[in-house]
N, C-alpha and C. Protein backbone atom coordinates (compact mmCIF):
# COMPACT_ATOMS: atom_id res chain seq x y z
N MET A 1 3.62 -19.84 19.06
CA MET A 1 2.39 -19.91 18.29
C MET A 1 1.20 -19.74 19.23
N MET A 2 0.20 -19.11 18.68
CA MET A 2 -1.02 -18.90 19.45
C MET A 2 -2.18 -19.52 18.69
N ASN A 3 -3.12 -20.06 19.44
CA ASN A 3 -4.33 -20.56 18.81
C ASN A 3 -5.50 -19.69 19.25
N ASP A 4 -6.69 -20.02 18.77
CA ASP A 4 -7.87 -19.22 19.08
C ASP A 4 -8.12 -19.12 20.59
N ASP A 5 -7.89 -20.21 21.31
CA ASP A 5 -8.12 -20.19 22.76
C ASP A 5 -7.20 -19.18 23.46
N HIS A 6 -5.94 -19.11 23.05
CA HIS A 6 -5.02 -18.13 23.62
C HIS A 6 -5.50 -16.71 23.33
N ILE A 7 -5.89 -16.49 22.08
CA ILE A 7 -6.32 -15.15 21.66
C ILE A 7 -7.54 -14.72 22.45
N LEU A 8 -8.49 -15.62 22.63
CA LEU A 8 -9.70 -15.28 23.41
C LEU A 8 -9.36 -15.06 24.87
N ALA A 9 -8.52 -15.90 25.45
CA ALA A 9 -8.17 -15.77 26.88
C ALA A 9 -7.43 -14.46 27.14
N LEU A 10 -6.60 -14.04 26.22
CA LEU A 10 -5.85 -12.79 26.37
C LEU A 10 -6.64 -11.57 25.90
N LYS A 11 -7.86 -11.83 25.43
CA LYS A 11 -8.75 -10.75 24.95
C LYS A 11 -8.11 -9.91 23.83
N LEU A 12 -7.38 -10.60 22.96
CA LEU A 12 -6.77 -9.94 21.82
C LEU A 12 -7.76 -9.77 20.67
N ALA A 13 -8.77 -10.63 20.66
CA ALA A 13 -9.83 -10.56 19.65
C ALA A 13 -11.04 -11.29 20.19
N THR A 14 -12.19 -10.94 19.65
CA THR A 14 -13.42 -11.63 20.02
C THR A 14 -13.63 -12.83 19.10
N ALA A 15 -14.56 -13.68 19.46
CA ALA A 15 -14.88 -14.83 18.61
C ALA A 15 -15.35 -14.35 17.24
N GLN A 16 -16.12 -13.29 17.20
CA GLN A 16 -16.60 -12.74 15.93
C GLN A 16 -15.42 -12.21 15.10
N GLU A 17 -14.47 -11.54 15.73
CA GLU A 17 -13.30 -11.05 15.01
C GLU A 17 -12.45 -12.20 14.48
N LEU A 18 -12.32 -13.26 15.27
CA LEU A 18 -11.58 -14.43 14.78
C LEU A 18 -12.25 -15.03 13.56
N GLU A 19 -13.57 -15.05 13.55
CA GLU A 19 -14.30 -15.56 12.38
C GLU A 19 -14.06 -14.66 11.17
N THR A 20 -14.03 -13.36 11.38
CA THR A 20 -13.73 -12.42 10.30
C THR A 20 -12.33 -12.65 9.76
N ILE A 21 -11.36 -12.83 10.65
CA ILE A 21 -9.98 -13.10 10.25
C ILE A 21 -9.91 -14.40 9.45
N ARG A 22 -10.61 -15.41 9.90
CA ARG A 22 -10.62 -16.71 9.21
C ARG A 22 -11.23 -16.55 7.81
N ARG A 23 -12.36 -15.84 7.71
CA ARG A 23 -13.04 -15.64 6.43
C ARG A 23 -12.15 -14.87 5.45
N LEU A 24 -11.51 -13.80 5.95
CA LEU A 24 -10.62 -13.01 5.10
C LEU A 24 -9.41 -13.82 4.65
N SER A 25 -8.88 -14.63 5.54
CA SER A 25 -7.72 -15.46 5.21
C SER A 25 -8.05 -16.44 4.09
N PHE A 26 -9.21 -17.08 4.17
CA PHE A 26 -9.62 -18.00 3.11
C PHE A 26 -9.85 -17.26 1.80
N LYS A 27 -10.40 -16.05 1.87
CA LYS A 27 -10.63 -15.26 0.66
C LYS A 27 -9.30 -14.89 0.01
N VAL A 28 -8.32 -14.44 0.82
CA VAL A 28 -6.99 -14.12 0.29
C VAL A 28 -6.37 -15.36 -0.34
N ASN A 29 -6.50 -16.50 0.32
CA ASN A 29 -5.96 -17.75 -0.22
C ASN A 29 -6.55 -18.05 -1.59
N ASP A 30 -7.86 -17.93 -1.73
CA ASP A 30 -8.52 -18.21 -3.00
C ASP A 30 -8.00 -17.29 -4.11
N VAL A 31 -7.89 -16.01 -3.81
CA VAL A 31 -7.44 -15.04 -4.81
C VAL A 31 -5.99 -15.32 -5.22
N LEU A 32 -5.12 -15.51 -4.23
CA LEU A 32 -3.71 -15.75 -4.53
C LEU A 32 -3.49 -17.07 -5.26
N ARG A 33 -4.17 -18.11 -4.81
CA ARG A 33 -4.01 -19.43 -5.44
C ARG A 33 -4.39 -19.35 -6.92
N ASP A 34 -5.52 -18.71 -7.22
CA ASP A 34 -5.96 -18.58 -8.61
C ASP A 34 -5.00 -17.71 -9.42
N TYR A 35 -4.53 -16.62 -8.83
CA TYR A 35 -3.61 -15.72 -9.51
C TYR A 35 -2.32 -16.45 -9.90
N PHE A 36 -1.73 -17.15 -8.94
CA PHE A 36 -0.47 -17.83 -9.22
C PHE A 36 -0.66 -19.05 -10.12
N ALA A 37 -1.80 -19.70 -10.04
CA ALA A 37 -2.06 -20.87 -10.89
C ALA A 37 -2.03 -20.49 -12.37
N THR A 38 -2.52 -19.30 -12.70
CA THR A 38 -2.49 -18.86 -14.10
C THR A 38 -1.07 -18.61 -14.58
N ARG A 39 -0.15 -18.53 -13.64
CA ARG A 39 1.26 -18.30 -13.96
C ARG A 39 2.09 -19.57 -13.74
N LYS A 40 1.40 -20.69 -13.61
CA LYS A 40 2.04 -22.01 -13.46
C LYS A 40 2.88 -22.09 -12.18
N ILE A 41 2.37 -21.47 -11.12
CA ILE A 41 3.04 -21.47 -9.82
C ILE A 41 2.07 -21.99 -8.77
N ASP A 42 2.54 -22.93 -7.94
CA ASP A 42 1.75 -23.41 -6.80
C ASP A 42 2.07 -22.54 -5.59
N LEU A 43 1.04 -22.02 -4.98
CA LEU A 43 1.19 -21.30 -3.71
C LEU A 43 1.11 -22.36 -2.62
N VAL A 44 2.25 -22.68 -2.03
CA VAL A 44 2.32 -23.77 -1.04
C VAL A 44 1.79 -23.29 0.30
N ASP A 45 2.27 -22.16 0.76
CA ASP A 45 1.74 -21.55 1.98
C ASP A 45 2.16 -20.09 2.04
N PHE A 46 1.54 -19.37 2.98
CA PHE A 46 1.85 -17.96 3.17
C PHE A 46 1.38 -17.57 4.56
N LYS A 47 1.79 -16.40 4.98
CA LYS A 47 1.37 -15.90 6.28
C LYS A 47 0.65 -14.57 6.08
N LEU A 48 -0.24 -14.29 7.00
CA LEU A 48 -0.93 -13.00 7.02
C LEU A 48 -0.81 -12.43 8.42
N GLU A 49 -0.71 -11.14 8.51
CA GLU A 49 -0.68 -10.47 9.81
C GLU A 49 -1.86 -9.52 9.91
N PHE A 50 -2.56 -9.61 11.01
CA PHE A 50 -3.69 -8.73 11.28
C PHE A 50 -3.34 -7.85 12.46
N GLY A 51 -3.87 -6.66 12.45
CA GLY A 51 -3.68 -5.72 13.55
C GLY A 51 -4.94 -4.90 13.71
N ARG A 52 -4.77 -3.72 14.26
CA ARG A 52 -5.91 -2.83 14.49
C ARG A 52 -5.53 -1.40 14.15
N PHE A 53 -6.50 -0.67 13.61
CA PHE A 53 -6.37 0.77 13.50
C PHE A 53 -6.49 1.35 14.90
N THR A 54 -6.17 2.62 15.05
CA THR A 54 -6.28 3.26 16.37
C THR A 54 -7.71 3.27 16.90
N ASN A 55 -8.70 3.17 15.99
CA ASN A 55 -10.10 3.13 16.44
C ASN A 55 -10.56 1.72 16.79
N GLY A 56 -9.66 0.73 16.70
CA GLY A 56 -9.98 -0.64 17.08
C GLY A 56 -10.41 -1.53 15.92
N GLN A 57 -10.65 -0.96 14.75
CA GLN A 57 -11.07 -1.74 13.59
C GLN A 57 -9.96 -2.68 13.14
N LEU A 58 -10.34 -3.91 12.77
CA LEU A 58 -9.35 -4.89 12.28
C LEU A 58 -8.67 -4.39 11.01
N LEU A 59 -7.41 -4.76 10.87
CA LEU A 59 -6.59 -4.35 9.74
C LEU A 59 -5.79 -5.54 9.26
N LEU A 60 -5.86 -5.82 7.97
CA LEU A 60 -4.99 -6.81 7.35
C LEU A 60 -3.80 -6.05 6.80
N ALA A 61 -2.63 -6.30 7.37
CA ALA A 61 -1.45 -5.52 6.98
C ALA A 61 -0.29 -6.48 6.76
N ASP A 62 -0.08 -6.84 5.52
CA ASP A 62 1.02 -7.75 5.22
C ASP A 62 1.41 -7.57 3.77
N GLU A 63 2.44 -8.26 3.38
CA GLU A 63 2.92 -8.22 2.01
C GLU A 63 2.88 -9.63 1.45
N ILE A 64 2.83 -9.72 0.14
CA ILE A 64 2.94 -11.01 -0.54
C ILE A 64 4.25 -10.96 -1.31
N SER A 65 5.20 -11.78 -0.89
CA SER A 65 6.52 -11.79 -1.53
C SER A 65 7.16 -13.17 -1.32
N PRO A 66 8.25 -13.45 -2.01
CA PRO A 66 8.95 -14.72 -1.79
C PRO A 66 9.48 -14.86 -0.36
N ASP A 67 9.48 -13.78 0.40
CA ASP A 67 9.93 -13.84 1.79
C ASP A 67 8.81 -14.28 2.73
N THR A 68 7.56 -14.10 2.32
CA THR A 68 6.42 -14.41 3.20
C THR A 68 5.60 -15.59 2.69
N CYS A 69 5.99 -16.15 1.56
CA CYS A 69 5.25 -17.26 0.94
C CYS A 69 6.23 -18.33 0.47
N ARG A 70 5.67 -19.50 0.22
CA ARG A 70 6.44 -20.53 -0.47
C ARG A 70 5.76 -20.78 -1.81
N PHE A 71 6.56 -20.64 -2.88
CA PHE A 71 6.08 -20.84 -4.25
C PHE A 71 6.85 -22.00 -4.87
N TRP A 72 6.13 -22.86 -5.58
CA TRP A 72 6.76 -23.94 -6.33
C TRP A 72 6.28 -23.88 -7.76
N GLU A 73 7.18 -24.16 -8.68
CA GLU A 73 6.81 -24.24 -10.09
C GLU A 73 5.92 -25.47 -10.29
N GLN A 74 4.79 -25.25 -10.97
CA GLN A 74 3.88 -26.38 -11.22
C GLN A 74 4.59 -27.43 -12.07
N GLY A 75 4.37 -28.68 -11.73
CA GLY A 75 4.96 -29.78 -12.50
C GLY A 75 6.31 -30.21 -11.98
N THR A 76 7.24 -29.27 -11.83
CA THR A 76 8.60 -29.64 -11.40
C THR A 76 8.78 -29.54 -9.89
N LYS A 77 7.94 -28.76 -9.23
CA LYS A 77 8.06 -28.49 -7.78
C LYS A 77 9.34 -27.72 -7.45
N LYS A 78 9.95 -27.11 -8.46
CA LYS A 78 11.13 -26.28 -8.25
C LYS A 78 10.75 -25.11 -7.35
N LYS A 79 11.54 -24.88 -6.32
CA LYS A 79 11.25 -23.81 -5.37
C LYS A 79 11.56 -22.45 -5.97
N LEU A 80 10.63 -21.53 -5.83
CA LEU A 80 10.77 -20.20 -6.40
C LEU A 80 10.75 -19.12 -5.33
N ASP A 81 11.09 -19.49 -4.12
CA ASP A 81 11.01 -18.55 -3.00
C ASP A 81 12.35 -18.48 -2.27
N LYS A 82 12.35 -17.91 -1.09
CA LYS A 82 13.59 -17.72 -0.33
C LYS A 82 14.24 -19.03 0.11
N ASP A 83 13.50 -20.14 0.08
CA ASP A 83 14.04 -21.43 0.52
C ASP A 83 14.84 -22.15 -0.56
N ARG A 84 15.07 -21.50 -1.71
CA ARG A 84 15.81 -22.11 -2.81
C ARG A 84 17.19 -22.50 -2.40
């Protein structure tokens, strides 16, 4: 696992880019949480992967699936993901 200090020390991203990644991650969380809530599913957690285009621009490149997220049925907490 890497934290912000590792990323900055290795010059993998700037502080401004880390803030952009953080902002985008929270935005994705809000959208997904609301989407799944209307379907009576709790989004427990998920992962996102960021990279770069060849020109250096940040890129959010990931999928949303039962393999990359944990979903629980609202009320019962029944697992609806790969951890079933």
